[in-house]
């Protein structure tokens, strides 16, 4: 069984010089106990995945996650079955202090939101925060992609309140 341990942060900007891949993702099912996500990643070799995630633990740091690569053309079709709006973003990879950060610049209905996530080996792993970090939002439900689909960032009245 795979357990994902992850921290999430609002950031000021995407560091210069990083190359990104376009991502589209949608949710076939999104509820408190589980989400079923379809994701396409446009790159030199297009890829697609189906992911099932369980509910987060009390701290919001970890949850069960199962991800399987699927044929890209099938994922494109499955995105048409997903709730709208789709999550559209560019993902950048940033390496700092032997830690890999996934930085998402959101587009479409979530334009203006920049989130950095870091996967950890355990909940107690210490990390050095890069200077572009504004605030940690780990465990704050409205920043989960599945909730950004239901309540997009551009519709928030108070953009960065908890």
C-alpha atoms as a PDB file:
ATOM      1  CA  UNK A   1       0.000   0.000   0.000  1.00  0.00           C
ATOM      2  CA  UNK A   2       1.350   3.431  -0.921  1.00  0.00           C
ATOM      3  CA  UNK A   3       1.127   6.278   1.570  1.00  0.00           C
ATOM      4  CA  UNK A   4       1.780   9.787   0.304  1.00  0.00           C
ATOM      5  CA  UNK A   5       3.367  12.189   2.818  1.00  0.00           C
ATOM      6  CA  UNK A   6       3.205  15.713   1.460  1.00  0.00           C
ATOM      7  CA  UNK A   7       3.425  19.345   2.552  1.00  0.00           C
ATOM      8  CA  UNK A   8       1.839  22.150   0.536  1.00  0.00           C
ATOM      9  CA  UNK A   9       2.728  25.860   0.370  1.00  0.00           C
ATOM     10  CA  UNK A  10       1.531  29.047  -1.308  1.00  0.00           C
ATOM     11  CA  UNK A  11       4.435  30.627  -3.184  1.00  0.00           C
ATOM     12  CA  UNK A  12       5.267  34.111  -4.525  1.00  0.00           C
ATOM     13  CA  UNK A  13       6.453  33.057  -7.971  1.00  0.00           C
ATOM     14  CA  UNK A  14       7.950  30.269 -10.027  1.00  0.00           C
ATOM     15  CA  UNK A  15      11.769  30.392  -9.871  1.00  0.00           C
ATOM     16  CA  UNK A  16      13.308  31.547 -13.153  1.00  0.00           C
ATOM     17  CA  UNK A  17      14.734  29.089 -15.646  1.00  0.00           C
ATOM     18  CA  UNK A  18      12.495  26.116 -14.872  1.00  0.00           C
ATOM     19  CA  UNK A  19      10.830  24.218 -17.699  1.00  0.00           C
ATOM     20  CA  UNK A  20       7.270  23.103 -17.163  1.00  0.00           C
ATOM     21  CA  UNK A  21       4.799  20.531 -18.448  1.00  0.00           C
ATOM     22  CA  UNK A  22       1.123  21.265 -19.090  1.00  0.00           C
ATOM     23  CA  UNK A  23      -1.250  19.221 -16.963  1.00  0.00           C
ATOM     24  CA  UNK A  24      -4.991  18.733 -17.231  1.00  0.00           C
ATOM     25  CA  UNK A  25      -6.791  16.792 -14.576  1.00  0.00           C
ATOM     26  CA  UNK A  26     -10.338  16.001 -13.687  1.00  0.00           C
ATOM     27  CA  UNK A  27     -12.241  14.075 -11.080  1.00  0.00           C
ATOM     28  CA  UNK A  28     -14.482  11.104 -11.765  1.00  0.00           C
ATOM     29  CA  UNK A  29     -15.281  10.980  -8.061  1.00  0.00           C
ATOM     30  CA  UNK A  30     -14.458  13.504  -5.367  1.00  0.00           C
ATOM     31  CA  UNK A  31     -15.719  13.132  -1.843  1.00  0.00           C
ATOM     32  CA  UNK A  32     -14.364  13.271   1.693  1.00  0.00           C
ATOM     33  CA  UNK A  33     -13.195   9.644   1.873  1.00  0.00           C
ATOM     34  CA  UNK A  34     -11.724   9.302  -1.629  1.00  0.00           C
ATOM     35  CA  UNK A  35     -10.985  10.921  -4.962  1.00  0.00           C
ATOM     36  CA  UNK A  36     -10.541   9.309  -8.354  1.00  0.00           C
ATOM     37  CA  UNK A  37      -8.519  11.525 -10.675  1.00  0.00           C
ATOM     38  CA  UNK A  38      -7.564  11.408 -14.352  1.00  0.00           C
ATOM     39  CA  UNK A  39      -4.463  13.377 -15.348  1.00  0.00           C
ATOM     40  CA  UNK A  40      -2.751  14.072 -18.668  1.00  0.00           C
ATOM     41  CA  UNK A  41       0.789  15.428 -18.818  1.00  0.00           C
ATOM     42  CA  UNK A  42       1.911  17.034 -22.071  1.00  0.00           C
ATOM     43  CA  UNK A  43       5.657  16.663 -22.614  1.00  0.00           C
ATOM     44  CA  UNK A  44       8.029  15.181 -25.185  1.00  0.00           C
ATOM     45  CA  UNK A  45       6.297  11.885 -24.441  1.00  0.00           C
ATOM     46  CA  UNK A  46       2.694  12.508 -23.396  1.00  0.00           C
ATOM     47  CA  UNK A  47       1.632  10.483 -20.366  1.00  0.00           C
ATOM     48  CA  UNK A  48      -1.591   9.913 -18.479  1.00  0.00           C
ATOM     49  CA  UNK A  49      -2.569   8.487 -15.108  1.00  0.00           C
ATOM     50  CA  UNK A  50      -5.519   7.383 -13.052  1.00  0.00           C
ATOM     51  CA  UNK A  51      -5.058   8.076  -9.347  1.00  0.00           C
ATOM     52  CA  UNK A  52      -7.095   7.067  -6.329  1.00  0.00           C
ATOM     53  CA  UNK A  53      -6.463   8.960  -3.107  1.00  0.00           C
ATOM     54  CA  UNK A  54      -7.905   8.227   0.314  1.00  0.00           C
ATOM     55  CA  UNK A  55      -8.821  10.719   3.014  1.00  0.00           C
ATOM     56  CA  UNK A  56      -5.995  12.669   4.659  1.00  0.00           C
ATOM     57  CA  UNK A  57      -5.014  11.905   8.226  1.00  0.00           C
ATOM     58  CA  UNK A  58      -5.726  14.448  11.019  1.00  0.00           C
ATOM     59  CA  UNK A  59      -2.622  16.537  10.261  1.00  0.00           C
ATOM     60  CA  UNK A  60      -3.347  16.618   6.529  1.00  0.00           C
ATOM     61  CA  UNK A  61       0.196  15.341   5.878  1.00  0.00           C
ATOM     62  CA  UNK A  62      -0.480  11.812   4.664  1.00  0.00           C
ATOM     63  CA  UNK A  63      -3.031   9.640   2.890  1.00  0.00           C
ATOM     64  CA  UNK A  64      -3.208   6.502   0.805  1.00  0.00           C
ATOM     65  CA  UNK A  65      -2.478   7.006  -2.883  1.00  0.00           C
ATOM     66  CA  UNK A  66      -2.536   4.567  -5.788  1.00  0.00           C
ATOM     67  CA  UNK A  67      -1.473   5.751  -9.240  1.00  0.00           C
ATOM     68  CA  UNK A  68      -1.336   3.830 -12.518  1.00  0.00           C
ATOM     69  CA  UNK A  69      -0.239   4.985 -15.963  1.00  0.00           C
ATOM     70  CA  UNK A  70      -2.958   4.633 -18.615  1.00  0.00           C
ATOM     71  CA  UNK A  71      -3.032   5.242 -22.391  1.00  0.00           C
ATOM     72  CA  UNK A  72      -3.003   8.992 -23.149  1.00  0.00           C
ATOM     73  CA  UNK A  73      -5.836   8.825 -25.699  1.00  0.00           C
ATOM     74  CA  UNK A  74      -8.069   7.018 -23.195  1.00  0.00           C
ATOM     75  CA  UNK A  75      -7.338   9.637 -20.537  1.00  0.00           C
ATOM     76  CA  UNK A  76      -8.272  12.432 -22.956  1.00  0.00           C
ATOM     77  CA  UNK A  77     -11.646  10.749 -23.410  1.00  0.00           C
ATOM     78  CA  UNK A  78     -12.074  10.124 -19.669  1.00  0.00           C
ATOM     79  CA  UNK A  79     -11.468  13.834 -18.975  1.00  0.00           C
ATOM     80  CA  UNK A  80     -14.738  14.435 -20.857  1.00  0.00           C
ATOM     81  CA  UNK A  81     -16.494  12.321 -18.199  1.00  0.00           C
ATOM     82  CA  UNK A  82     -15.060  14.373 -15.327  1.00  0.00           C
ATOM     83  CA  UNK A  83     -16.683  17.174 -13.374  1.00  0.00           C
ATOM     84  CA  UNK A  84     -15.892  20.652 -14.656  1.00  0.00           C
ATOM     85  CA  UNK A  85     -14.031  22.879 -14.662  1.00  0.00           C
ATOM     86  CA  UNK A  86     -10.926  20.771 -15.203  1.00  0.00           C
ATOM     87  CA  UNK A  87      -7.799  21.693 -13.286  1.00  0.00           C
ATOM     88  CA  UNK A  88      -5.304  23.225 -15.723  1.00  0.00           C
ATOM     89  CA  UNK A  89      -1.762  23.995 -14.629  1.00  0.00           C
ATOM     90  CA  UNK A  90       1.876  24.046 -15.568  1.00  0.00           C
ATOM     91  CA  UNK A  91       4.084  21.927 -13.320  1.00  0.00           C
ATOM     92  CA  UNK A  92       7.705  22.808 -12.709  1.00  0.00           C
ATOM     93  CA  UNK A  93      10.285  20.721 -10.849  1.00  0.00           C
ATOM     94  CA  UNK A  94      12.625  22.528  -8.448  1.00  0.00           C
ATOM     95  CA  UNK A  95      15.422  20.773  -6.552  1.00  0.00           C
ATOM     96  CA  UNK A  96      16.668  22.228  -3.282  1.00  0.00           C
ATOM     97  CA  UNK A  97      18.702  20.621  -0.514  1.00  0.00           C
ATOM     98  CA  UNK A  98      18.188  17.091  -1.952  1.00  0.00           C
ATOM     99  CA  UNK A  99      14.410  17.606  -1.954  1.00  0.00           C
ATOM    100  CA  UNK A 100      12.242  17.715  -5.080  1.00  0.00           C
ATOM    101  CA  UNK A 101       9.527  20.369  -5.146  1.00  0.00           C
ATOM    102  CA  UNK A 102       6.601  20.235  -7.553  1.00  0.00           C
ATOM    103  CA  UNK A 103       5.511  23.789  -8.321  1.00  0.00           C
ATOM    104  CA  UNK A 104       2.112  24.337  -9.922  1.00  0.00           C
ATOM    105  CA  UNK A 105       1.137  27.508 -11.749  1.00  0.00           C
ATOM    106  CA  UNK A 106      -2.623  27.290 -12.173  1.00  0.00           C
ATOM    107  CA  UNK A 107      -4.544  28.445 -15.245  1.00  0.00           C
ATOM    108  CA  UNK A 108      -8.198  28.757 -16.228  1.00  0.00           C
ATOM    109  CA  UNK A 109     -10.570  29.104 -13.282  1.00  0.00           C
ATOM    110  CA  UNK A 110      -7.627  28.906 -10.834  1.00  0.00           C
ATOM    111  CA  UNK A 111      -5.478  31.556 -12.566  1.00  0.00           C
ATOM    112  CA  UNK A 112      -3.259  33.455 -10.134  1.00  0.00           C
ATOM    113  CA  UNK A 113      -2.682  30.586  -7.703  1.00  0.00           C
ATOM    114  CA  UNK A 114       0.846  29.204  -7.255  1.00  0.00           C
ATOM    115  CA  UNK A 115       1.341  26.136  -5.039  1.00  0.00           C
ATOM    116  CA  UNK A 116       4.508  24.197  -4.198  1.00  0.00           C
ATOM    117  CA  UNK A 117       4.322  20.653  -2.861  1.00  0.00           C
ATOM    118  CA  UNK A 118       7.048  18.481  -1.465  1.00  0.00           C
ATOM    119  CA  UNK A 119       6.739  14.735  -0.868  1.00  0.00           C
ATOM    120  CA  UNK A 120       8.497  13.487   2.227  1.00  0.00           C
ATOM    121  CA  UNK A 121       9.714  10.085   3.358  1.00  0.00           C
ATOM    122  CA  UNK A 122       7.925  10.516   6.715  1.00  0.00           C
ATOM    123  CA  UNK A 123       5.875  13.107   8.608  1.00  0.00           C
ATOM    124  CA  UNK A 124       8.849  14.166  10.755  1.00  0.00           C
ATOM    125  CA  UNK A 125      11.283  14.822   7.892  1.00  0.00           C
ATOM    126  CA  UNK A 126      12.880  18.265   8.227  1.00  0.00           C
ATOM    127  CA  UNK A 127      13.187  20.415   5.106  1.00  0.00           C
ATOM    128  CA  UNK A 128      14.699  23.783   4.281  1.00  0.00           C
ATOM    129  CA  UNK A 129      12.080  26.123   2.837  1.00  0.00           C
ATOM    130  CA  UNK A 130      13.091  27.995  -0.330  1.00  0.00           C
ATOM    131  CA  UNK A 131      12.812  31.804  -0.295  1.00  0.00           C
ATOM    132  CA  UNK A 132       9.772  31.841  -2.606  1.00  0.00           C
ATOM    133  CA  UNK A 133       7.515  30.261   0.057  1.00  0.00           C
ATOM    134  CA  UNK A 134       4.797  32.535   1.467  1.00  0.00           C
ATOM    135  CA  UNK A 135       2.748  30.282   3.740  1.00  0.00           C
ATOM    136  CA  UNK A 136       2.156  26.611   4.501  1.00  0.00           C
ATOM    137  CA  UNK A 137      -1.339  25.369   3.626  1.00  0.00           C
ATOM    138  CA  UNK A 138      -0.910  21.650   4.365  1.00  0.00           C
ATOM    139  CA  UNK A 139      -4.224  20.190   5.488  1.00  0.00           C
ATOM    140  CA  UNK A 140      -6.285  23.224   4.445  1.00  0.00           C
ATOM    141  CA  UNK A 141      -8.977  21.622   2.325  1.00  0.00           C
ATOM    142  CA  UNK A 142      -9.668  24.498  -0.070  1.00  0.00           C
ATOM    143  CA  UNK A 143      -6.124  24.138  -1.503  1.00  0.00           C
ATOM    144  CA  UNK A 144      -6.595  20.504  -2.533  1.00  0.00           C
ATOM    145  CA  UNK A 145      -6.942  20.237  -6.311  1.00  0.00           C
ATOM    146  CA  UNK A 146     -10.216  18.339  -5.942  1.00  0.00           C
ATOM    147  CA  UNK A 147     -11.646  21.302  -4.000  1.00  0.00           C
ATOM    148  CA  UNK A 148     -10.191  23.826  -6.469  1.00  0.00           C
ATOM    149  CA  UNK A 149     -12.311  22.046  -9.078  1.00  0.00           C
ATOM    150  CA  UNK A 150     -15.458  22.571  -6.979  1.00  0.00           C
ATOM    151  CA  UNK A 151     -14.588  26.068  -5.735  1.00  0.00           C
ATOM    152  CA  UNK A 152     -12.066  27.661  -8.131  1.00  0.00           C
ATOM    153  CA  UNK A 153      -9.568  30.235  -6.875  1.00  0.00           C
ATOM    154  CA  UNK A 154     -10.883  33.022  -9.141  1.00  0.00           C
ATOM    155  CA  UNK A 155     -14.238  32.828  -7.302  1.00  0.00           C
ATOM    156  CA  UNK A 156     -12.772  33.166  -3.794  1.00  0.00           C
ATOM    157  CA  UNK A 157     -13.688  36.431  -2.062  1.00  0.00           C
ATOM    158  CA  UNK A 158     -10.686  36.397   0.294  1.00  0.00           C
ATOM    159  CA  UNK A 159      -7.918  34.795  -1.751  1.00  0.00           C
ATOM    160  CA  UNK A 160      -5.529  33.643   0.977  1.00  0.00           C
ATOM    161  CA  UNK A 161      -7.559  33.285   4.139  1.00  0.00           C
ATOM    162  CA  UNK A 162      -7.572  29.946   5.891  1.00  0.00           C
END
